[in-house]
Amino acid sequence: MIPNDTIIALATPAGVGAISVIRLSGEQSIELVSQFFRSVRGKELKQQKTHTIHLGHIVNDNRVIDEVLVSVFKNPHSYTGENVVEISCHGSSYIQQEIIQLFLKNGCRMADNGEFTMRAFLNGKMDLSQAEAVADVIASNSEASHQMAIQQMRGGITNELKELRGQLLDFAALIELELDFSGEDVEFADRTKFKELVFTISSVLKRLIDSFAFGNAMKNGIPVAIIGEPNVGKSTLLNALLNEEKAIVSDIAGTTRDAIEDELIIDGVAFRFIDTAGIRETDDVVENIGIQKAYEKAENAQLIIFLIDSRKFLDSKESFVQEIEVVQQRFPNKRLLVIANKIDSLEETQKEEIQAAFEDILLLSAKQKIGIDTLLNELTALVNKGALSNNETIVTNSRHFEALNNALESISSVQNGIDAEISSDLFAIDIRECLRHLGNITGEYDVDKDILGHIFSNFCIGK
């Protein structure tokens, strides 16, 4: 990436559409476009005010390529902080390439992945965490993932850490000053206030770290494993939830050998449902592999649906209750939802008998789609959306998660040093390390160029 170049790229998805937007950024972008733009009112593009739109034609050697709208954004009041021009043309692939090739031959170069947003970061238009949130906004596929991305793009985690980091910087400066006067045996930093600050920073870091599991699941979809014995209706339930024949349904036990996954958005939250192999004792090598995968999927899921046959439950209530307890013990940290399927053939008294035997059980018929709405409501109730509703900062980025863990480790070392009343010079290094890790989240520290390249390489070209 060469910051002084004028770059160009298609900002809308490739392909045919009603319109396409071609974006240029760089000091010469307005000058370059003005050479080939002919306003219908005879305006000179270079003389127009920022944030204005102009109708005209892109013309090359007296040949009209297309009628366009040209938007002008002058530095520093633009997305990248540079002069930016956006050309809205008709969505023909031919027109797109004609315009792009015209400017590539006259001083532009193709933008690299994420280069527009990287320039915005380098020019101080946003910090690094906000720049990463741009990609999350584009990739968001549910209300929850969109809300978290918008909150981060508006500076959520930055605001959380900015004040604490500023206070820690102040104390770090005082500690460094003490080292300059080490021979005088003086303390410039109030140790009591410093301990309070370290405790506060540790609390904030722990809260942010704890939010990652929830945030990552909400961003990528909450994994829900459907487990149970063969022929209890797991595949039928998956099909009923998705409202399509996703999984093969058969009366033959062991039909499902591999996990089948699909996503469903419920009340703005994405759930990834995983239909697994029926769990039973078998000599079939392939089926045993599928059963092992079922346990692995359940281990990695956030929610587990344990499906049982309601008719078999009535025949052996005590053994089934014990089996439910075994599943709860096997996955103690998972949210477990127990469902009795195939209730369409039961009498009301039999349904009451099942609920009396296990109070928290949910009754449904996957085949007849009875109780599906109740299940969907139960799933959304199990997801704590309070943090989203309160606009709390939720960590969704694994890079941020790693940096926060490293910062917590450093600040814990500072805490231990203060408690042990060791010399300031011994924990001053840990203070600097903590500041470095916090600064790496927002880019306020010397961020490695390889890290920047990795982050922005995941963007689409026009962003």
Protein backbone atom coordinates (compact mmCIF):
# COMPACT_ATOMS: atom_id res chain seq x y z
CA MET A 1 0.00 0.00 0.00
CA ILE A 2 1.41 3.40 -1.06
CA PRO A 3 -0.46 6.17 0.81
CA ASN A 4 0.26 8.90 -1.78
CA ASP A 5 -1.22 6.98 -4.70
CA THR A 6 -4.71 7.58 -6.03
CA ILE A 7 -6.59 4.31 -5.76
CA ILE A 8 -9.74 3.07 -7.45
CA ALA A 9 -12.10 0.14 -6.92
CA LEU A 10 -15.67 -0.97 -7.36
CA ALA A 11 -17.41 -0.22 -4.04
CA THR A 12 -20.55 -2.22 -4.82
CA PRO A 13 -20.71 -6.00 -5.41
CA ALA A 14 -19.41 -7.24 -8.74
CA GLY A 15 -21.99 -8.23 -11.30
CA VAL A 16 -24.95 -6.69 -13.10
CA GLY A 17 -27.30 -4.41 -11.20
CA ALA A 18 -29.29 -1.20 -11.53
CA ILE A 19 -26.32 0.92 -10.46
CA SER A 20 -22.70 0.49 -9.46
CA VAL A 21 -20.47 2.78 -7.42
CA ILE A 22 -16.81 3.25 -8.29
CA ARG A 23 -14.69 4.89 -5.60
CA LEU A 24 -11.44 6.86 -5.95
CA SER A 25 -9.33 8.15 -3.08
CA GLY A 26 -6.14 10.19 -3.08
CA GLU A 27 -4.89 13.73 -3.48
CA GLN A 28 -5.38 13.67 -7.27
CA SER A 29 -8.76 11.92 -7.34
CA ILE A 30 -10.88 15.04 -8.03
CA GLU A 31 -8.36 16.29 -10.60
CA LEU A 32 -8.36 12.92 -12.39
CA VAL A 33 -12.14 12.59 -12.55
CA SER A 34 -12.57 16.18 -13.72
CA GLN A 35 -10.52 15.34 -16.85
CA PHE A 36 -13.17 12.87 -18.03
CA PHE A 37 -16.36 14.23 -16.45
CA ARG A 38 -18.63 16.54 -18.41
CA SER A 39 -21.29 18.19 -16.26
CA VAL A 40 -24.70 18.72 -17.87
CA ARG A 41 -24.57 22.26 -16.49
CA GLY A 42 -21.00 22.94 -17.53
CA LYS A 43 -19.62 22.88 -13.98
CA GLU A 44 -15.92 22.48 -13.33
CA LEU A 45 -15.64 19.57 -10.85
CA LYS A 46 -12.48 20.91 -9.19
CA GLN A 47 -14.32 24.10 -8.17
CA GLN A 48 -17.28 22.39 -6.51
CA LYS A 49 -17.80 22.25 -2.75
CA THR A 50 -17.29 19.11 -0.71
CA HIS A 51 -20.24 16.75 -0.16
CA THR A 52 -21.95 17.69 -3.43
CA ILE A 53 -23.37 15.51 -6.21
CA HIS A 54 -23.23 16.34 -9.91
CA LEU A 55 -24.96 14.90 -12.96
CA GLY A 56 -22.98 14.46 -16.15
CA HIS A 57 -21.17 12.00 -18.42
CA ILE A 58 -17.87 10.14 -18.34
CA VAL A 59 -16.32 10.89 -21.72
CA ASN A 60 -13.17 9.48 -23.32
CA ASP A 61 -12.00 10.95 -26.64
CA ASN A 62 -15.47 12.38 -27.32
CA ARG A 63 -17.01 8.95 -26.69
CA VAL A 64 -19.63 8.92 -23.97
CA ILE A 65 -19.13 5.89 -21.73
CA ASP A 66 -22.09 6.49 -19.42
CA GLU A 67 -24.32 9.05 -17.78
CA VAL A 68 -23.27 9.23 -14.12
CA LEU A 69 -23.67 10.96 -10.79
CA VAL A 70 -20.37 12.09 -9.29
CA SER A 71 -20.11 12.69 -5.51
CA VAL A 72 -17.23 14.88 -4.28
CA PHE A 73 -15.72 14.64 -0.78
CA LYS A 74 -12.76 16.90 -0.04
CA ASN A 75 -10.14 16.16 2.60
CA PRO A 76 -10.26 15.87 5.51
CA HIS A 77 -14.06 15.53 5.48
CA SER A 78 -14.27 12.15 3.79
CA TYR A 79 -14.26 8.47 4.72
CA THR A 80 -10.51 8.10 4.12
CA GLY A 81 -9.53 11.64 5.17
CA GLU A 82 -8.32 12.23 1.59
CA ASN A 83 -10.02 13.61 -1.50
CA VAL A 84 -12.64 11.04 -2.45
CA VAL A 85 -14.82 10.78 -5.55
CA GLU A 86 -17.62 8.26 -5.98
CA ILE A 87 -18.98 7.64 -9.47
CA SER A 88 -22.49 6.17 -9.60
CA CYS A 89 -22.90 4.56 -13.02
CA HIS A 90 -25.25 2.03 -14.55
CA GLY A 91 -24.66 -1.52 -13.32
CA SER A 92 -23.37 -3.02 -16.56
CA SER A 93 -20.17 -5.03 -16.07
CA TYR A 94 -18.92 -3.54 -19.34
CA ILE A 95 -19.48 0.04 -18.13
CA GLN A 96 -17.83 -0.70 -14.78
CA GLN A 97 -14.70 -2.01 -16.46
CA GLU A 98 -14.59 0.77 -19.06
CA ILE A 99 -14.60 3.44 -16.36
CA ILE A 100 -12.12 1.64 -14.09
CA GLN A 101 -9.72 0.91 -16.97
CA LEU A 102 -9.95 4.53 -18.11
CA PHE A 103 -8.65 5.77 -14.76
CA LEU A 104 -6.10 2.98 -14.38
CA LYS A 105 -4.55 4.19 -17.65
CA ASN A 106 -4.48 7.78 -16.40
CA GLY A 107 -2.79 7.74 -13.01
CA CYS A 108 -4.82 5.47 -10.72
CA ARG A 109 -4.02 2.01 -9.43
CA MET A 110 -6.34 -0.71 -8.16
CA ALA A 111 -6.93 -0.56 -4.43
CA ASP A 112 -5.79 -3.46 -2.29
CA ASN A 113 -8.22 -5.29 -0.02
CA GLY A 114 -9.36 -2.92 2.73
CA GLU A 115 -7.11 -0.08 1.56
CA PHE A 116 -9.82 2.59 1.77
CA THR A 117 -10.49 1.69 5.42
CA MET A 118 -6.77 1.37 6.15
CA ARG A 119 -6.26 4.92 4.87
CA ALA A 120 -9.10 6.04 7.13
CA PHE A 121 -7.23 4.49 10.06
CA LEU A 122 -3.84 5.92 9.07
CA ASN A 123 -5.39 9.37 8.61
CA GLY A 124 -7.00 9.31 12.06
CA LYS A 125 -10.60 8.99 10.88
CA MET A 126 -11.12 5.94 13.08
CA ASP A 127 -9.08 3.76 15.41
CA LEU A 128 -8.12 0.17 14.68
CA SER A 129 -11.03 -1.45 16.53
CA GLN A 130 -13.49 0.78 14.67
CA ALA A 131 -11.85 -0.10 11.35
CA GLU A 132 -12.24 -3.81 12.12
CA ALA A 133 -15.89 -3.18 12.99
CA VAL A 134 -16.48 -1.93 9.44
CA ALA A 135 -15.84 -5.46 8.16
CA ASP A 136 -18.15 -6.86 10.86
CA VAL A 137 -20.95 -4.49 9.82
CA ILE A 138 -20.61 -5.64 6.21
CA ALA A 139 -20.60 -9.32 7.26
CA SER A 140 -23.44 -9.04 9.81
CA ASN A 141 -26.33 -11.39 9.03
CA SER A 142 -28.59 -10.81 12.02
CA GLU A 143 -29.88 -7.96 14.16
CA ALA A 144 -27.65 -9.01 17.08
CA SER A 145 -24.40 -9.21 15.05
CA HIS A 146 -25.24 -5.90 13.35
CA GLN A 147 -25.94 -4.18 16.68
CA MET A 148 -22.63 -5.35 18.18
CA ALA A 149 -20.69 -4.25 15.09
CA ILE A 150 -22.33 -0.81 15.06
CA GLN A 151 -21.61 -0.41 18.77
CA GLN A 152 -17.93 -1.17 18.18
CA MET A 153 -17.75 1.04 15.09
CA ARG A 154 -19.06 3.91 17.21
CA GLY A 155 -16.15 3.42 19.60
CA GLY A 156 -17.58 1.02 22.20
CA ILE A 157 -14.43 -0.75 23.35
CA THR A 158 -12.36 2.39 22.67
CA ASN A 159 -14.45 4.42 25.11
CA GLU A 160 -14.26 1.62 27.68
CA LEU A 161 -10.47 1.61 27.67
CA LYS A 162 -9.59 5.22 26.84
CA GLU A 163 -10.11 6.77 30.29
CA LEU A 164 -8.54 3.86 32.16
CA ARG A 165 -5.58 3.82 29.79
CA GLY A 166 -5.15 7.58 30.25
CA GLN A 167 -5.07 7.22 34.03
CA LEU A 168 -2.64 4.32 33.79
CA LEU A 169 -0.42 6.43 31.53
CA ASP A 170 -0.42 9.20 34.15
CA PHE A 171 0.64 6.78 36.89
CA ALA A 172 3.21 5.18 34.58
CA ALA A 173 4.76 8.62 34.03
CA LEU A 174 4.94 9.18 37.79
CA ILE A 175 6.51 5.75 38.31
CA GLU A 176 9.11 6.55 35.63
CA LEU A 177 9.77 9.86 37.40
CA GLU A 178 10.41 7.99 40.63
CA LEU A 179 13.02 5.91 38.84
CA ASP A 180 14.80 9.13 37.79
CA PHE A 181 14.96 10.12 41.46
CA SER A 182 15.64 6.66 42.81
CA GLY A 183 18.50 7.93 44.90
CA GLU A 184 16.22 10.40 46.70
CA ASP A 185 13.85 7.69 47.96
CA VAL A 186 10.65 9.61 47.03
CA GLU A 187 7.25 8.43 45.80
CA PHE A 188 5.35 10.56 43.29
CA ALA A 189 2.59 8.01 42.67
CA ASP A 190 0.05 7.57 45.46
CA ARG A 191 0.16 3.81 46.09
CA THR A 192 -3.38 3.66 47.51
CA LYS A 193 -4.92 5.34 44.47
CA PHE A 194 -2.69 3.27 42.22
CA LYS A 195 -3.98 0.04 43.79
CA GLU A 196 -7.56 1.23 43.28
CA LEU A 197 -6.86 1.98 39.61
CA VAL A 198 -5.22 -1.41 39.07
CA PHE A 199 -8.24 -3.11 40.66
CA THR A 200 -10.63 -1.13 38.44
CA ILE A 201 -8.65 -1.96 35.29
CA SER A 202 -8.59 -5.65 36.25
CA SER A 203 -12.38 -5.63 36.76
CA VAL A 204 -13.04 -3.98 33.40
CA LEU A 205 -10.67 -6.36 31.59
CA LYS A 206 -12.29 -9.43 33.19
CA ARG A 207 -15.76 -8.20 32.23
CA LEU A 208 -14.70 -7.63 28.62
CA ILE A 209 -12.93 -11.00 28.45
CA ASP A 210 -16.00 -12.77 29.87
CA SER A 211 -18.19 -11.12 27.21
CA PHE A 212 -16.22 -12.76 24.37
CA ALA A 213 -17.88 -16.18 24.58
CA PHE A 214 -21.31 -14.57 24.28
CA GLY A 215 -20.22 -12.03 21.68
CA ASN A 216 -18.45 -14.56 19.48
CA ALA A 217 -21.49 -16.84 19.54
CA MET A 218 -23.88 -13.99 18.73
CA LYS A 219 -21.62 -12.88 15.89
CA ASN A 220 -21.14 -16.31 14.29
CA GLY A 221 -24.43 -17.90 15.35
CA ILE A 222 -25.21 -19.70 18.62
CA PRO A 223 -24.47 -23.40 18.11
CA VAL A 224 -27.34 -25.68 19.23
CA ALA A 225 -26.66 -29.43 19.23
CA ILE A 226 -29.66 -31.77 18.92
CA ILE A 227 -28.78 -35.07 20.60
CA GLY A 228 -30.68 -38.20 21.59
CA GLU A 229 -31.20 -41.87 20.78
CA PRO A 230 -31.85 -43.04 17.20
CA ASN A 231 -35.37 -42.49 15.80
CA VAL A 232 -36.45 -39.94 18.40
CA GLY A 233 -37.03 -37.37 15.63
CA LYS A 234 -33.86 -35.26 15.64
CA SER A 235 -33.76 -34.90 11.85
CA THR A 236 -37.52 -34.26 11.76
CA LEU A 237 -37.07 -31.52 14.36
CA LEU A 238 -34.28 -29.91 12.33
CA ASN A 239 -36.46 -29.94 9.22
CA ALA A 240 -39.39 -28.48 11.18
CA LEU A 241 -37.23 -25.66 12.57
CA LEU A 242 -35.79 -24.81 9.15
CA ASN A 243 -39.11 -25.40 7.38
CA GLU A 244 -37.39 -27.48 4.70
CA GLU A 245 -36.27 -31.08 4.11
CA LYS A 246 -32.65 -30.53 5.13
CA ALA A 247 -32.01 -33.91 6.76
CA ILE A 248 -33.01 -37.40 5.60
CA VAL A 249 -35.81 -38.84 7.73
CA SER A 250 -36.21 -42.62 7.99
CA ASP A 251 -37.58 -45.25 10.37
CA ILE A 252 -34.26 -47.09 10.05
CA ALA A 253 -32.11 -46.48 13.13
CA GLY A 254 -28.73 -44.87 12.48
CA THR A 255 -29.72 -43.01 9.29
CA THR A 256 -27.81 -39.89 10.34
CA ARG A 257 -24.08 -40.73 10.34
CA ASP A 258 -22.58 -37.22 10.12
CA ALA A 259 -23.58 -33.90 11.67
CA ILE A 260 -25.89 -31.73 9.56
CA GLU A 261 -25.87 -27.99 10.22
CA ASP A 262 -27.94 -25.01 9.16
CA GLU A 263 -28.69 -21.54 10.46
CA LEU A 264 -31.95 -19.90 11.51
CA ILE A 265 -32.43 -16.33 12.71
CA ILE A 266 -34.89 -16.11 15.60
CA ASP A 267 -35.85 -12.72 17.05
CA GLY A 268 -32.72 -11.12 15.58
CA VAL A 269 -30.34 -13.81 16.86
CA ALA A 270 -28.66 -16.38 14.60
CA PHE A 271 -28.80 -20.00 15.81
CA ARG A 272 -26.77 -22.80 14.19
CA PHE A 273 -28.71 -26.04 14.63
CA ILE A 274 -26.69 -29.26 14.44
CA ASP A 275 -28.45 -32.57 13.85
CA THR A 276 -26.22 -35.36 15.19
CA ALA A 277 -26.07 -39.14 14.94
CA GLY A 278 -28.31 -41.10 17.28
CA ILE A 279 -26.52 -42.09 20.48
CA ARG A 280 -26.65 -45.85 21.16
CA GLU A 281 -24.47 -48.94 21.58
CA THR A 282 -23.55 -50.29 18.12
CA ASP A 283 -20.90 -52.41 16.40
CA ASP A 284 -21.09 -50.33 13.22
CA VAL A 285 -17.69 -48.61 12.87
CA VAL A 286 -19.00 -45.72 10.74
CA GLU A 287 -21.99 -45.11 13.03
CA ASN A 288 -19.67 -45.11 16.06
CA ILE A 289 -17.63 -42.35 14.42
CA GLY A 290 -20.86 -40.37 13.96
CA ILE A 291 -21.78 -40.92 17.63
CA GLN A 292 -18.35 -39.67 18.71
CA LYS A 293 -18.87 -36.59 16.53
CA ALA A 294 -22.26 -36.08 18.20
CA TYR A 295 -20.55 -35.82 21.59
CA GLU A 296 -17.94 -33.45 20.14
CA LYS A 297 -20.62 -31.19 18.66
CA ALA A 298 -22.45 -31.14 21.98
CA GLU A 299 -19.21 -30.26 23.77
CA ASN A 300 -18.65 -27.29 21.44
CA ALA A 301 -22.29 -26.12 21.45
CA GLN A 302 -23.66 -23.41 23.70
CA LEU A 303 -27.14 -24.94 23.88
CA ILE A 304 -28.03 -28.65 23.87
CA ILE A 305 -31.43 -30.00 22.93
CA PHE A 306 -31.82 -33.48 24.41
CA LEU A 307 -34.63 -35.14 22.48
CA ILE A 308 -36.49 -38.16 23.83
CA ASP A 309 -39.43 -40.26 22.64
CA SER A 310 -42.45 -39.34 24.80
CA ARG A 311 -44.00 -42.81 24.40
CA LYS A 312 -40.83 -44.56 25.61
CA PHE A 313 -40.56 -42.02 28.43
CA LEU A 314 -43.96 -43.10 29.74
CA ASP A 315 -42.84 -46.72 29.76
CA SER A 316 -39.67 -46.05 31.76
CA LYS A 317 -39.83 -42.65 33.46
CA GLU A 318 -37.22 -43.30 36.15
CA SER A 319 -34.55 -44.55 33.75
CA PHE A 320 -35.12 -41.57 31.45
CA VAL A 321 -34.88 -39.11 34.35
CA GLN A 322 -31.58 -40.75 35.29
CA GLU A 323 -30.41 -40.48 31.66
CA ILE A 324 -31.22 -36.76 31.65
CA GLU A 325 -29.16 -36.35 34.82
CA VAL A 326 -26.26 -38.18 33.16
CA VAL A 327 -26.38 -35.76 30.20
CA GLN A 328 -26.47 -32.80 32.63
CA GLN A 329 -23.41 -34.17 34.44
CA ARG A 330 -21.58 -34.83 31.18
CA PHE A 331 -22.12 -31.23 30.03
CA PRO A 332 -22.30 -29.27 33.32
CA ASN A 333 -21.53 -25.89 31.75
CA LYS A 334 -24.06 -26.17 28.90
CA ARG A 335 -27.62 -24.94 28.81
CA LEU A 336 -29.74 -28.06 28.41
CA LEU A 337 -33.25 -28.10 26.98
CA VAL A 338 -35.05 -31.45 27.39
CA ILE A 339 -37.79 -32.14 24.84
CA ALA A 340 -40.30 -34.99 24.69
CA ASN A 341 -41.18 -35.55 21.03
CA LYS A 342 -44.08 -37.38 19.31
CA ILE A 343 -46.81 -36.09 21.64
CA ASP A 344 -49.37 -36.06 18.80
CA SER A 345 -50.30 -39.67 19.67
CA LEU A 346 -50.71 -39.01 23.43
CA GLU A 347 -53.74 -38.24 25.58
CA GLU A 348 -53.80 -35.09 27.73
CA THR A 349 -53.42 -37.18 30.89
CA GLN A 350 -50.27 -38.76 29.45
CA LYS A 351 -48.79 -35.34 28.68
CA GLU A 352 -49.48 -34.26 32.26
CA GLU A 353 -47.83 -37.46 33.48
CA ILE A 354 -44.64 -36.63 31.55
CA GLN A 355 -44.52 -33.08 32.92
CA ALA A 356 -45.11 -34.37 36.45
CA ALA A 357 -42.14 -36.74 36.08
CA PHE A 358 -39.80 -33.98 34.85
CA GLU A 359 -40.96 -30.43 35.47
CA ASP A 360 -38.73 -28.59 32.97
CA ILE A 361 -39.50 -30.83 30.01
CA LEU A 362 -40.91 -29.32 26.80
CA LEU A 363 -43.56 -31.20 24.83
CA LEU A 364 -43.80 -31.12 21.04
CA SER A 365 -44.44 -33.05 17.86
CA ALA A 366 -41.77 -32.30 15.26
CA LYS A 367 -43.71 -34.24 12.60
CA GLN A 368 -46.93 -32.26 13.12
CA LYS A 369 -45.02 -29.05 14.04
CA ILE A 370 -46.86 -28.84 17.37
CA GLY A 371 -44.97 -26.80 19.96
CA ILE A 372 -42.34 -25.45 17.53
CA ASP A 373 -43.24 -21.82 18.34
CA THR A 374 -42.92 -22.60 22.06
CA LEU A 375 -39.46 -24.07 21.40
CA LEU A 376 -38.37 -20.98 19.46
CA ASN A 377 -39.53 -18.74 22.32
CA GLU A 378 -37.68 -20.96 24.80
CA LEU A 379 -34.46 -20.70 22.76
CA THR A 380 -34.54 -16.89 22.64
CA ALA A 381 -35.34 -16.79 26.37
CA LEU A 382 -32.19 -18.81 27.07
CA VAL A 383 -30.09 -16.16 25.32
CA ASN A 384 -29.39 -13.21 27.60
CA LYS A 385 -29.84 -10.19 25.34
CA GLY A 386 -29.69 -7.73 28.24
CA ALA A 387 -26.15 -6.64 27.36
CA LEU A 388 -27.29 -5.85 23.81
CA SER A 389 -30.34 -3.93 25.01
CA ASN A 390 -28.20 -1.86 27.38
CA ASN A 391 -25.60 -1.12 24.66
CA GLU A 392 -22.87 -2.70 26.78
CA THR A 393 -19.51 -3.34 25.15
CA ILE A 394 -19.32 -6.93 23.95
CA VAL A 395 -16.04 -8.31 22.61
CA THR A 396 -16.46 -10.27 19.36
CA ASN A 397 -12.96 -10.03 17.89
CA SER A 398 -10.46 -12.79 18.72
CA ARG A 399 -7.53 -10.35 18.33
CA HIS A 400 -9.08 -8.08 20.95
CA PHE A 401 -9.74 -11.09 23.18
CA GLU A 402 -6.08 -12.12 23.04
CA ALA A 403 -4.87 -8.55 23.71
CA LEU A 404 -7.23 -8.22 26.69
CA ASN A 405 -5.96 -11.49 28.16
CA ASN A 406 -2.37 -10.33 27.76
CA ALA A 407 -3.22 -6.97 29.33
CA LEU A 408 -4.90 -8.71 32.27
CA GLU A 409 -1.83 -10.90 32.79
CA SER A 410 0.39 -7.79 32.86
CA ILE A 411 -1.86 -5.82 35.21
CA SER A 412 -2.08 -8.87 37.50
CA SER A 413 1.72 -8.84 37.70
CA VAL A 414 1.54 -5.14 38.63
CA GLN A 415 -1.01 -5.99 41.34
CA ASN A 416 1.25 -8.72 42.73
CA GLY A 417 4.20 -6.32 42.74
CA ILE A 418 2.26 -3.67 44.66
CA ASP A 419 1.03 -6.24 47.21
CA ALA A 420 4.57 -7.51 47.67
CA GLU A 421 5.80 -3.89 48.04
CA ILE A 422 8.58 -4.47 45.54
CA SER A 423 10.58 -1.69 43.98
CA SER A 424 8.84 0.43 41.33
CA ASP A 425 11.36 -0.44 38.63
CA LEU A 426 10.36 -4.12 38.85
CA PHE A 427 6.70 -3.59 37.97
CA ALA A 428 7.20 -0.56 35.68
CA ILE A 429 7.92 -3.02 32.85
CA ASP A 430 4.56 -4.72 33.45
CA ILE A 431 2.78 -1.34 33.34
CA ARG A 432 4.32 -0.62 29.94
CA GLU A 433 3.36 -4.10 28.73
CA CYS A 434 -0.24 -3.58 29.83
CA LEU A 435 -0.35 -0.23 28.03
CA ARG A 436 1.09 -1.82 24.91
CA HIS A 437 -1.54 -4.57 24.83
CA LEU A 438 -4.38 -2.10 25.39
CA GLY A 439 -2.97 0.21 22.74
CA ASN A 440 -2.77 -2.63 20.23
CA ILE A 441 -6.55 -2.97 20.35
CA THR A 442 -7.16 0.57 19.09
CA GLY A 443 -3.85 1.10 17.28
CA GLU A 444 -2.65 3.78 19.71
CA TYR A 445 0.63 1.94 20.12
CA ASP A 446 3.22 0.78 17.59
CA VAL A 447 1.15 -1.86 15.85
CA ASP A 448 3.16 -4.37 13.85
CA LYS A 449 2.79 -3.86 10.07
CA ASP A 450 2.15 -7.59 9.62
CA ILE A 451 -0.84 -7.32 11.97
CA LEU A 452 -2.22 -4.39 9.96
CA GLY A 453 -1.77 -6.28 6.73
CA HIS A 454 -3.58 -9.31 8.13
CA ILE A 455 -6.51 -7.26 9.43
CA PHE A 456 -7.17 -5.31 6.25
CA SER A 457 -6.50 -8.20 3.89
CA ASN A 458 -9.79 -9.71 5.08
CA PHE A 459 -11.78 -6.72 3.76
CA CYS A 460 -13.43 -6.66 0.37
CA ILE A 461 -11.47 -4.70 -2.26
CA GLY A 462 -13.82 -1.71 -2.48
CA LYS A 463 -13.77 -1.08 1.25
